[in-house]
Amino acid sequence: MPKDIDTTAAPSAPSSSQAQPLEGEVLPAAKELAPLPADHPADHLPANVRARRSRRWRWIAVAVLLAAGAAGGGIYWKYFRAPPWPTGIVFSNGRVEAEEIDIDAKFAERVAQLLVDEGDVVSPGQIVARMDIRDVQASLSRAEAQVLEAQETFNEAKANVSDTTAQLKLAKQEFDRTTALVARGFATYELLDQRQQALMSTTAALAAANNRAGEADRALDAAKFEVDLYKVNIADDTLVSPTVGRIQYRISNVGEVLPAGGKVFTMLDFTDVYMDVYLPTADAGRARVGDDARIVLDAFPKFVIPAHVSFIATQAQFTPKAVETKDERDKLMFRVKVRIDKSFLAPRIARIRTGLPGVAYVRVDSNTEWPASLRLTAAR
């Protein structure tokens, strides 16, 4: 006898033929659908349905991302895009440099004293070193003694001239008197000849006295010039800074005997600070001496330094290895010197640093406005 069927048993899992209809399909009648069990999740759909839904959501996400990217790009292009670089301004990079000045010994002498050291800022006329001048001082003393001797000789020569002049005056008076007496018959011609001979001798003596006085005067001048020369040499043995700058190298030490022209210090001239840059032919051909320029250092990217073009090479040359450029290394470039304005350097002497890399901008078209990032302000 057949067993009773348990009507409370759970229905079997739906087969693939019972898959959920897609959108647009006609749903079967409610009574034809098998009820889902209570523990069966609603998203347990057939694989092909889940794949279709996944692709649909994936395409929607891609479309949303594309739309958002396009909107963001449009906003950036409109509000945040950097303006195009003006064609009237060219640029290249380099390093800040300053002219080097050697402070040398004029004569072969011993270094007696060094008053500055490397890194010290010096002003024009500041004493930086002294040489041993004992031998020059002795020569100066001898020259001063020779001046006194020459002065005495000159004084004697002048006195001799005065005495001879008086003798000449007397000889002339006697000659004139004798001439009158001879005319009246009160004197002989022999006496007249004697007076004439005395007059001629005295005249010659006066000429000789004047010559000796002239020689003594010239000897006195020569002695004085020698004194002045030794004084100049002593002054030259006191080494001073020729301009404002910084001591770069100390080459000699106290006690060393240097040859004539031996170096004691090398200093940087802070009145001549510049940056050498290399421009291609197209840009260098448009630049002119005196063109306005700007320098921005890597260490101070927001600080704009006023400058101008002071030199443009007349011959092209290969780019040196020490200079970085965007062009190929084997391309011929023109060296352009961009000098920093002295009015900018004067109040900032202590802050000047050479060797710092940066970029120099040259305005080759005077009608071109400087970009906002390169404009000078009162604060700068």
Protein backbone atom coordinates (compact mmCIF):
# COMPACT_ATOMS: atom_id res chain seq x y z
CA MET A 1 0.00 0.00 0.00
CA PRO A 2 1.59 3.27 -1.02
CA LYS A 3 2.90 5.47 1.70
CA ASP A 4 1.27 8.77 2.40
CA ILE A 5 3.06 11.69 0.80
CA ASP A 6 4.29 14.36 3.18
CA THR A 7 2.86 17.53 1.82
CA THR A 8 5.07 19.63 4.10
CA ALA A 9 8.32 18.56 2.38
CA ALA A 10 10.34 21.31 0.72
CA PRO A 11 10.01 21.53 -3.03
CA SER A 12 13.01 20.63 -5.12
CA ALA A 13 15.45 23.38 -6.33
CA PRO A 14 14.34 25.04 -9.51
CA SER A 15 16.01 23.80 -12.64
CA SER A 16 17.65 25.89 -15.32
CA SER A 17 14.39 25.77 -17.25
CA GLN A 18 12.80 27.67 -14.39
CA ALA A 19 15.26 30.67 -14.67
CA GLN A 20 14.06 34.17 -13.88
CA PRO A 21 12.69 35.84 -17.01
CA LEU A 22 14.69 38.80 -18.41
CA GLU A 23 13.39 42.30 -18.69
CA GLY A 24 10.77 42.51 -21.36
CA GLU A 25 9.78 38.83 -21.16
CA VAL A 26 6.26 37.79 -20.18
CA LEU A 27 6.10 36.57 -16.64
CA PRO A 28 4.27 33.29 -16.06
CA ALA A 29 1.24 33.19 -13.89
CA ALA A 30 1.80 33.43 -10.19
CA LYS A 31 0.43 29.97 -9.69
CA GLU A 32 2.99 28.51 -12.07
CA LEU A 33 5.94 29.81 -10.02
CA ALA A 34 7.35 27.53 -7.41
CA PRO A 35 7.62 29.21 -4.02
CA LEU A 36 11.20 29.90 -2.87
CA PRO A 37 12.31 28.45 0.40
CA ALA A 38 12.66 30.80 3.33
CA ASP A 39 16.45 30.31 3.55
CA HIS A 40 17.06 30.84 -0.23
CA PRO A 41 18.50 34.36 -0.96
CA ALA A 42 16.82 36.39 -3.63
CA ASP A 43 20.07 36.99 -5.55
CA HIS A 44 20.64 33.30 -6.18
CA LEU A 45 20.02 33.69 -9.87
CA PRO A 46 21.18 31.66 -12.79
CA ALA A 47 24.76 32.33 -13.99
CA ASN A 48 23.76 33.86 -17.31
CA VAL A 49 21.46 36.35 -15.60
CA ARG A 50 24.09 37.38 -13.09
CA ALA A 51 26.65 37.84 -15.90
CA ARG A 52 24.33 40.07 -17.86
CA ARG A 53 23.55 42.21 -14.84
CA SER A 54 27.27 42.47 -13.96
CA ARG A 55 28.15 43.63 -17.46
CA ARG A 56 25.37 46.18 -17.38
CA TRP A 57 26.56 47.67 -14.07
CA ARG A 58 30.16 47.62 -15.30
CA TRP A 59 29.27 49.66 -18.36
CA ILE A 60 27.29 52.09 -16.21
CA ALA A 61 30.29 52.58 -13.90
CA VAL A 62 32.62 53.14 -16.88
CA ALA A 63 30.22 55.70 -18.32
CA VAL A 64 29.98 57.53 -14.99
CA LEU A 65 33.78 57.59 -14.62
CA LEU A 66 34.22 58.87 -18.17
CA ALA A 67 31.66 61.58 -17.59
CA ALA A 68 33.30 62.62 -14.30
CA GLY A 69 36.75 62.64 -15.92
CA ALA A 70 35.53 64.73 -18.82
CA ALA A 71 33.88 67.19 -16.45
CA GLY A 72 37.00 67.42 -14.28
CA GLY A 73 39.23 67.89 -17.31
CA GLY A 74 37.00 70.64 -18.60
CA ILE A 75 37.07 72.44 -15.26
CA TYR A 76 40.87 72.15 -15.02
CA TRP A 77 41.31 73.33 -18.61
CA LYS A 78 39.12 76.33 -17.99
CA TYR A 79 40.24 77.42 -14.52
CA PHE A 80 43.56 75.78 -13.63
CA ARG A 81 45.44 75.29 -16.88
CA ALA A 82 48.70 77.30 -17.01
CA PRO A 83 48.71 79.91 -19.78
CA PRO A 84 51.00 79.23 -22.74
CA TRP A 85 54.61 80.42 -22.32
CA PRO A 86 55.17 83.74 -24.12
CA THR A 87 57.32 83.44 -27.23
CA GLY A 88 59.08 86.71 -26.40
CA ILE A 89 60.81 85.20 -23.36
CA VAL A 90 63.54 82.56 -23.64
CA PHE A 91 65.24 80.76 -20.81
CA SER A 92 68.05 78.42 -19.91
CA ASN A 93 69.65 77.23 -16.72
CA GLY A 94 73.04 77.84 -15.20
CA ARG A 95 74.79 78.74 -11.96
CA VAL A 96 75.36 82.04 -10.18
CA GLU A 97 78.96 83.18 -10.52
CA ALA A 98 81.04 86.23 -9.61
CA GLU A 99 84.23 87.62 -11.05
CA GLU A 100 87.33 86.44 -9.21
CA ILE A 101 90.04 88.91 -8.20
CA ASP A 102 93.52 87.85 -7.12
CA ILE A 103 95.13 89.87 -4.32
CA ASP A 104 98.86 89.55 -5.05
CA ALA A 105 102.16 90.70 -3.57
CA LYS A 106 103.77 93.32 -5.79
CA PHE A 107 107.34 92.49 -4.74
CA ALA A 108 109.22 89.42 -3.61
CA GLU A 109 108.67 89.68 0.13
CA ARG A 110 107.63 87.76 3.22
CA VAL A 111 104.02 87.64 4.43
CA ALA A 112 103.96 89.42 7.78
CA GLN A 113 100.27 89.46 8.71
CA LEU A 114 96.93 88.12 7.45
CA LEU A 115 93.91 90.05 8.68
CA VAL A 116 91.03 88.13 7.04
CA ASP A 117 90.18 84.52 6.36
CA GLU A 118 88.20 82.51 3.83
CA GLY A 119 84.51 83.41 3.82
CA ASP A 120 84.95 86.91 5.24
CA VAL A 121 83.10 89.74 3.53
CA VAL A 122 85.43 92.67 2.80
CA SER A 123 84.76 96.26 1.81
CA PRO A 124 86.67 98.49 -0.61
CA GLY A 125 89.99 99.64 0.84
CA GLN A 126 89.90 97.23 3.77
CA ILE A 127 93.38 95.97 4.77
CA VAL A 128 93.55 92.20 4.30
CA ALA A 129 97.30 91.51 4.68
CA ARG A 130 100.65 93.15 5.35
CA MET A 131 104.03 92.22 3.93
CA ASP A 132 107.40 92.49 5.71
CA ILE A 133 108.64 96.00 4.80
CA ARG A 134 111.74 96.35 6.98
CA ASP A 135 114.06 96.45 3.97
CA VAL A 136 111.84 98.94 2.18
CA GLN A 137 111.72 101.10 5.29
CA ALA A 138 115.53 101.15 5.37
CA SER A 139 115.62 102.16 1.72
CA LEU A 140 113.13 104.90 2.45
CA SER A 141 115.28 106.26 5.27
CA ARG A 142 118.30 106.31 2.97
CA ALA A 143 116.33 108.12 0.29
CA GLU A 144 115.14 110.71 2.80
CA ALA A 145 118.77 111.33 3.82
CA GLN A 146 119.68 111.78 0.18
CA VAL A 147 116.92 114.35 -0.11
CA LEU A 148 118.46 116.34 2.73
CA GLU A 149 121.88 116.16 1.09
CA ALA A 150 120.49 117.21 -2.26
CA GLN A 151 118.69 120.06 -0.58
CA GLU A 152 121.97 121.34 0.91
CA THR A 153 123.69 121.12 -2.46
CA PHE A 154 120.88 123.03 -4.07
CA ASN A 155 121.01 125.72 -1.40
CA GLU A 156 124.76 126.15 -1.96
CA ALA A 157 124.23 126.39 -5.70
CA LYS A 158 121.60 129.07 -5.26
CA ALA A 159 123.93 131.04 -2.96
CA ASN A 160 126.70 130.78 -5.55
CA VAL A 161 124.34 132.11 -8.18
CA SER A 162 123.47 135.07 -5.97
CA ASP A 163 127.16 135.83 -5.28
CA THR A 164 128.13 135.56 -8.94
CA THR A 165 125.22 137.78 -9.91
CA ALA A 166 126.51 140.48 -7.55
CA GLN A 167 130.02 140.13 -8.99
CA LEU A 168 128.63 140.47 -12.48
CA LYS A 169 126.81 143.64 -11.51
CA LEU A 170 130.03 145.13 -10.10
CA ALA A 171 132.06 144.12 -13.15
CA LYS A 172 129.55 145.78 -15.44
CA GLN A 173 129.60 148.99 -13.42
CA GLU A 174 133.42 149.12 -13.51
CA PHE A 175 133.43 148.48 -17.22
CA ASP A 176 130.95 151.28 -17.85
CA ARG A 177 132.91 153.69 -15.64
CA THR A 178 136.22 152.85 -17.32
CA THR A 179 134.64 153.29 -20.74
CA ALA A 180 133.56 156.83 -19.76
CA LEU A 181 137.00 157.67 -18.40
CA VAL A 182 138.73 156.44 -21.53
CA ALA A 183 136.47 158.64 -23.63
CA ARG A 184 137.53 161.67 -21.55
CA GLY A 185 141.21 160.69 -21.53
CA PHE A 186 141.44 159.90 -17.83
CA ALA A 187 142.02 156.12 -18.25
CA THR A 188 144.03 153.93 -20.54
CA TYR A 189 142.78 151.40 -22.99
CA GLU A 190 144.70 148.74 -21.11
CA LEU A 191 142.51 149.30 -18.05
CA LEU A 192 139.42 149.18 -20.25
CA ASP A 193 140.52 145.82 -21.62
CA GLN A 194 140.95 144.51 -18.11
CA ARG A 195 137.48 145.67 -17.11
CA GLN A 196 135.99 144.06 -20.21
CA GLN A 197 137.79 140.78 -19.49
CA ALA A 198 136.51 140.81 -15.91
CA LEU A 199 132.97 141.39 -17.13
CA MET A 200 133.15 138.46 -19.54
CA SER A 201 134.61 136.15 -16.88
CA THR A 202 131.92 137.05 -14.39
CA THR A 203 129.22 136.49 -17.00
CA ALA A 204 130.58 133.02 -17.71
CA ALA A 205 130.82 132.28 -13.98
CA LEU A 206 127.18 133.22 -13.54
CA ALA A 207 126.15 130.90 -16.35
CA ALA A 208 128.11 128.06 -14.74
CA ALA A 209 126.57 128.81 -11.35
CA ASN A 210 123.10 128.69 -12.88
CA ASN A 211 123.91 125.34 -14.48
CA ARG A 212 125.12 123.93 -11.18
CA ALA A 213 122.00 125.22 -9.46
CA GLY A 214 119.85 123.55 -12.10
CA GLU A 215 121.67 120.26 -11.63
CA ALA A 216 121.26 120.50 -7.87
CA ASP A 217 117.57 121.23 -8.30
CA ARG A 218 117.10 118.20 -10.54
CA ALA A 219 119.07 116.02 -8.12
CA LEU A 220 116.82 117.21 -5.32
CA ASP A 221 113.72 116.35 -7.35
CA ALA A 222 115.12 112.89 -8.13
CA ALA A 223 115.78 112.27 -4.45
CA LYS A 224 112.24 113.34 -3.59
CA PHE A 225 110.82 111.09 -6.33
CA GLU A 226 112.77 108.17 -4.88
CA VAL A 227 111.28 108.86 -1.47
CA ASP A 228 107.82 108.94 -3.02
CA LEU A 229 108.56 105.66 -4.80
CA TYR A 230 109.50 103.92 -1.58
CA LYS A 231 106.40 105.29 0.09
CA VAL A 232 104.29 103.88 -2.75
CA ASN A 233 106.04 100.53 -2.40
CA ILE A 234 105.33 100.52 1.31
CA ALA A 235 101.70 101.32 0.60
CA ASP A 236 101.59 98.50 -1.97
CA ASP A 237 102.97 96.13 0.65
CA THR A 238 99.79 96.78 2.61
CA LEU A 239 97.32 94.63 0.68
CA VAL A 240 93.78 95.97 0.53
CA SER A 241 90.51 94.81 -0.97
CA PRO A 242 89.86 96.57 -4.29
CA THR A 243 86.08 96.23 -4.02
CA VAL A 244 83.28 94.75 -1.96
CA GLY A 245 83.24 90.98 -1.97
CA ARG A 246 84.03 87.78 -0.14
CA ILE A 247 87.39 86.07 0.40
CA GLN A 248 87.16 82.84 -1.55
CA TYR A 249 90.59 81.29 -0.99
CA ARG A 250 93.56 81.97 1.29
CA ILE A 251 96.55 80.85 -0.74
CA SER A 252 99.50 81.95 1.44
CA ASN A 253 100.31 81.80 5.12
CA VAL A 254 102.18 84.08 7.50
CA GLY A 255 105.93 83.73 7.13
CA GLU A 256 105.95 82.52 3.54
CA VAL A 257 108.27 84.31 1.13
CA LEU A 258 106.39 85.05 -2.06
CA PRO A 259 107.82 85.92 -5.46
CA ALA A 260 106.80 89.12 -7.18
CA GLY A 261 103.15 88.66 -8.10
CA GLY A 262 102.63 85.80 -5.64
CA LYS A 263 98.98 85.27 -4.70
CA VAL A 264 97.81 85.84 -1.14
CA PHE A 265 94.01 85.74 -1.51
CA THR A 266 91.40 85.15 -4.18
CA MET A 267 88.18 87.07 -3.65
CA LEU A 268 84.80 87.29 -5.35
CA ASP A 269 83.70 90.66 -6.71
CA PHE A 270 80.15 91.18 -5.44
CA THR A 271 79.62 94.11 -7.79
CA ASP A 272 79.82 91.73 -10.75
CA VAL A 273 77.54 88.74 -10.10
CA TYR A 274 76.11 86.95 -13.11
CA MET A 275 74.85 83.71 -14.60
CA ASP A 276 76.24 82.25 -17.81
CA VAL A 277 73.56 80.48 -19.83
CA TYR A 278 73.67 78.85 -23.24
CA LEU A 279 70.98 79.57 -25.79
CA PRO A 280 70.41 77.90 -29.15
CA THR A 281 70.96 79.87 -32.30
CA ALA A 282 67.30 80.80 -32.74
CA ASP A 283 67.05 82.30 -29.24
CA ALA A 284 70.53 83.85 -29.10
CA GLY A 285 69.93 85.59 -32.41
CA ARG A 286 66.96 87.43 -30.92
CA ALA A 287 68.75 88.51 -27.75
CA ARG A 288 70.60 91.83 -27.48
CA VAL A 289 72.96 93.33 -24.94
CA GLY A 290 70.87 95.26 -22.43
CA ASP A 291 67.77 93.08 -22.70
CA ASP A 292 65.78 92.78 -19.50
CA ALA A 293 66.17 89.47 -17.69
CA ARG A 294 65.14 87.60 -14.57
CA ILE A 295 66.90 84.93 -12.52
CA VAL A 296 65.13 82.39 -10.32
CA LEU A 297 67.30 80.15 -8.14
CA ASP A 298 66.38 76.59 -7.27
CA ALA A 299 66.99 77.35 -3.60
CA PHE A 300 64.52 80.28 -3.68
CA PRO A 301 61.93 79.40 -6.34
CA LYS A 302 59.59 82.25 -5.38
CA PHE A 303 62.28 84.93 -5.33
CA VAL A 304 62.76 86.83 -8.61
CA ILE A 305 66.11 88.55 -9.17
CA PRO A 306 66.31 91.46 -11.66
CA ALA A 307 69.10 91.21 -14.23
CA HIS A 308 70.07 92.19 -17.75
CA VAL A 309 72.06 90.77 -20.65
CA SER A 310 75.63 92.11 -20.52
CA PHE A 311 77.40 89.86 -23.04
CA ILE A 312 76.57 87.62 -26.01
CA ALA A 313 79.26 85.42 -27.49
CA THR A 314 80.10 86.11 -31.12
CA GLN A 315 80.96 82.50 -31.83
CA ALA A 316 78.97 79.36 -31.16
CA GLN A 317 80.46 76.69 -28.97
CA PHE A 318 79.66 73.27 -27.58
CA THR A 319 77.70 73.21 -24.38
CA PRO A 320 80.07 72.67 -21.43
CA LYS A 321 79.55 69.56 -19.34
CA ALA A 322 78.86 71.63 -16.24
CA VAL A 323 75.73 73.17 -17.77
CA GLU A 324 72.50 71.25 -18.08
CA THR A 325 70.28 72.03 -21.06
CA LYS A 326 67.30 70.40 -22.66
CA ASP A 327 68.97 70.34 -26.04
CA GLU A 328 71.37 67.68 -27.16
CA ARG A 329 74.93 68.07 -25.96
CA ASP A 330 76.45 68.14 -29.39
CA LYS A 331 74.34 71.10 -30.49
CA LEU A 332 76.19 74.40 -30.85
CA MET A 333 75.04 77.04 -28.39
CA PHE A 334 75.84 80.70 -27.72
CA ARG A 335 77.05 81.82 -24.31
CA VAL A 336 75.00 84.68 -22.89
CA LYS A 337 75.98 86.46 -19.68
CA VAL A 338 73.05 87.63 -17.57
CA ARG A 339 74.34 90.08 -14.96
CA ILE A 340 72.40 90.82 -11.78
CA ASP A 341 71.56 94.50 -11.30
CA LYS A 342 73.94 96.28 -8.92
CA SER A 343 71.06 98.12 -7.27
CA PHE A 344 69.69 94.74 -6.24
CA LEU A 345 73.04 93.47 -4.96
CA ALA A 346 74.04 96.50 -2.88
CA PRO A 347 71.70 95.94 0.11
CA ARG A 348 72.14 92.14 -0.01
CA ILE A 349 75.92 91.74 0.04
CA ALA A 350 75.96 89.40 3.03
CA ARG A 351 73.33 87.12 1.43
CA ILE A 352 75.07 86.60 -1.91
CA ARG A 353 75.93 82.96 -2.61
CA THR A 354 77.69 81.83 -5.74
CA GLY A 355 77.37 78.37 -7.23
CA LEU A 356 73.61 78.14 -6.73
CA PRO A 357 71.82 76.63 -9.76
CA GLY A 358 68.84 78.34 -11.27
CA VAL A 359 67.11 79.52 -14.43
CA ALA A 360 67.71 82.77 -16.29
CA TYR A 361 64.85 84.24 -18.32
CA VAL A 362 65.63 86.75 -21.07
CA ARG A 363 62.95 88.96 -22.61
CA VAL A 364 63.94 89.16 -26.27
CA ASP A 365 60.78 91.08 -27.18
CA SER A 366 60.29 94.29 -25.23
CA ASN A 367 56.56 94.24 -26.02
CA THR A 368 56.11 90.97 -24.17
CA GLU A 369 54.79 91.22 -20.62
CA TRP A 370 56.50 89.25 -17.90
CA PRO A 371 54.39 86.38 -16.53
CA ALA A 372 53.01 86.92 -13.05
CA SER A 373 55.56 84.50 -11.59
CA LEU A 374 58.45 86.63 -12.91
CA ARG A 375 57.21 90.10 -12.06
CA LEU A 376 59.12 92.19 -9.55
CA THR A 377 57.38 93.52 -6.48
CA ALA A 378 58.36 96.11 -3.91
CA ALA A 379 58.79 93.39 -1.30
CA ARG A 380 61.37 91.71 -3.44
